[in-house]
Amino acid sequence: MNIMENQSNTDETLLTRSEVMTLLRIGSVTMWRYTRRGKFPMYRAGRQQFFKKSEILNAIKVDCHEQ
């Protein structure tokens, strides 16, 4: 698995697009849509895109509570 972890004890695990799609069981179009709308904040390292696991899980929790 291509997961990079921050040195702090908080859950700042960085996930790739593919890992987020697997975690949430969503397709690439849905992932693109959520990223484009700003629902999933994205971080870049060169051409690679990463997402903080804590922010992804928080975005899903917020979305569930709004419905």
Protein backbone atom coordinates (compact mmCIF):
# COMPACT_ATOMS: atom_id res chain seq x y z
CA MET A 1 0.00 0.00 0.00
CA ASN A 2 1.33 3.44 -0.91
CA ILE A 3 0.47 5.32 2.30
CA MET A 4 2.70 8.08 3.68
CA GLU A 5 2.38 9.01 7.36
CA ASN A 6 3.15 12.26 9.11
CA GLN A 7 5.40 12.01 12.18
CA SER A 8 2.78 13.42 14.57
CA ASN A 9 0.42 11.17 16.52
CA THR A 10 -2.70 12.63 14.89
CA ASP A 11 -4.35 10.80 12.01
CA GLU A 12 -2.66 12.76 9.25
CA THR A 13 -2.20 9.72 7.05
CA LEU A 14 -1.92 10.70 3.40
CA LEU A 15 -3.82 8.61 0.88
CA THR A 16 -3.56 8.49 -2.90
CA ARG A 17 -6.63 8.93 -5.13
CA SER A 18 -6.77 5.18 -5.62
CA GLU A 19 -6.64 4.50 -1.88
CA VAL A 20 -9.47 6.98 -1.21
CA MET A 21 -11.60 5.40 -3.94
CA THR A 22 -11.01 1.95 -2.43
CA LEU A 23 -11.68 3.16 1.13
CA LEU A 24 -14.97 4.82 0.18
CA ARG A 25 -15.93 2.39 -2.58
CA ILE A 26 -16.45 5.17 -5.11
CA GLY A 27 -15.53 5.44 -8.75
CA SER A 28 -13.11 7.78 -10.45
CA VAL A 29 -15.86 10.13 -11.69
CA THR A 30 -17.26 10.55 -8.17
CA MET A 31 -13.75 11.10 -6.82
CA TRP A 32 -13.08 13.73 -9.48
CA ARG A 33 -16.41 15.45 -8.71
CA TYR A 34 -15.78 15.58 -4.95
CA THR A 35 -12.27 16.91 -5.48
CA ARG A 36 -13.36 19.53 -7.99
CA ARG A 37 -16.17 20.77 -5.70
CA GLY A 38 -13.73 21.08 -2.80
CA LYS A 39 -15.39 18.38 -0.72
CA PHE A 40 -12.06 16.54 -0.53
CA PRO A 41 -9.12 18.92 0.02
CA MET A 42 -6.18 17.83 -2.12
CA TYR A 43 -2.44 18.17 -1.57
CA ARG A 44 0.17 17.86 -4.27
CA ALA A 45 3.73 16.63 -4.34
CA GLY A 46 4.85 17.19 -7.90
CA ARG A 47 2.21 15.53 -10.06
CA GLN A 48 1.03 13.20 -7.28
CA GLN A 49 -2.22 13.98 -5.49
CA PHE A 50 -2.75 13.14 -1.84
CA PHE A 51 -5.64 13.43 0.59
CA LYS A 52 -5.56 13.47 4.39
CA LYS A 53 -7.50 10.51 5.70
CA SER A 54 -8.88 12.55 8.61
CA GLU A 55 -10.26 15.20 6.21
CA ILE A 56 -11.84 12.56 3.96
CA LEU A 57 -13.54 10.84 6.90
CA ASN A 58 -14.67 14.20 8.31
CA ALA A 59 -16.15 15.23 4.94
CA ILE A 60 -18.14 11.99 4.81
CA LYS A 61 -19.41 12.49 8.39
CA VAL A 62 -20.47 16.06 7.65
CA ASP A 63 -22.24 14.92 4.46
CA CYS A 64 -24.15 12.20 6.34
CA HIS A 65 -25.32 14.66 9.02
CA GLU A 66 -26.57 17.17 6.43
CA GLN A 67 -28.96 14.68 4.82
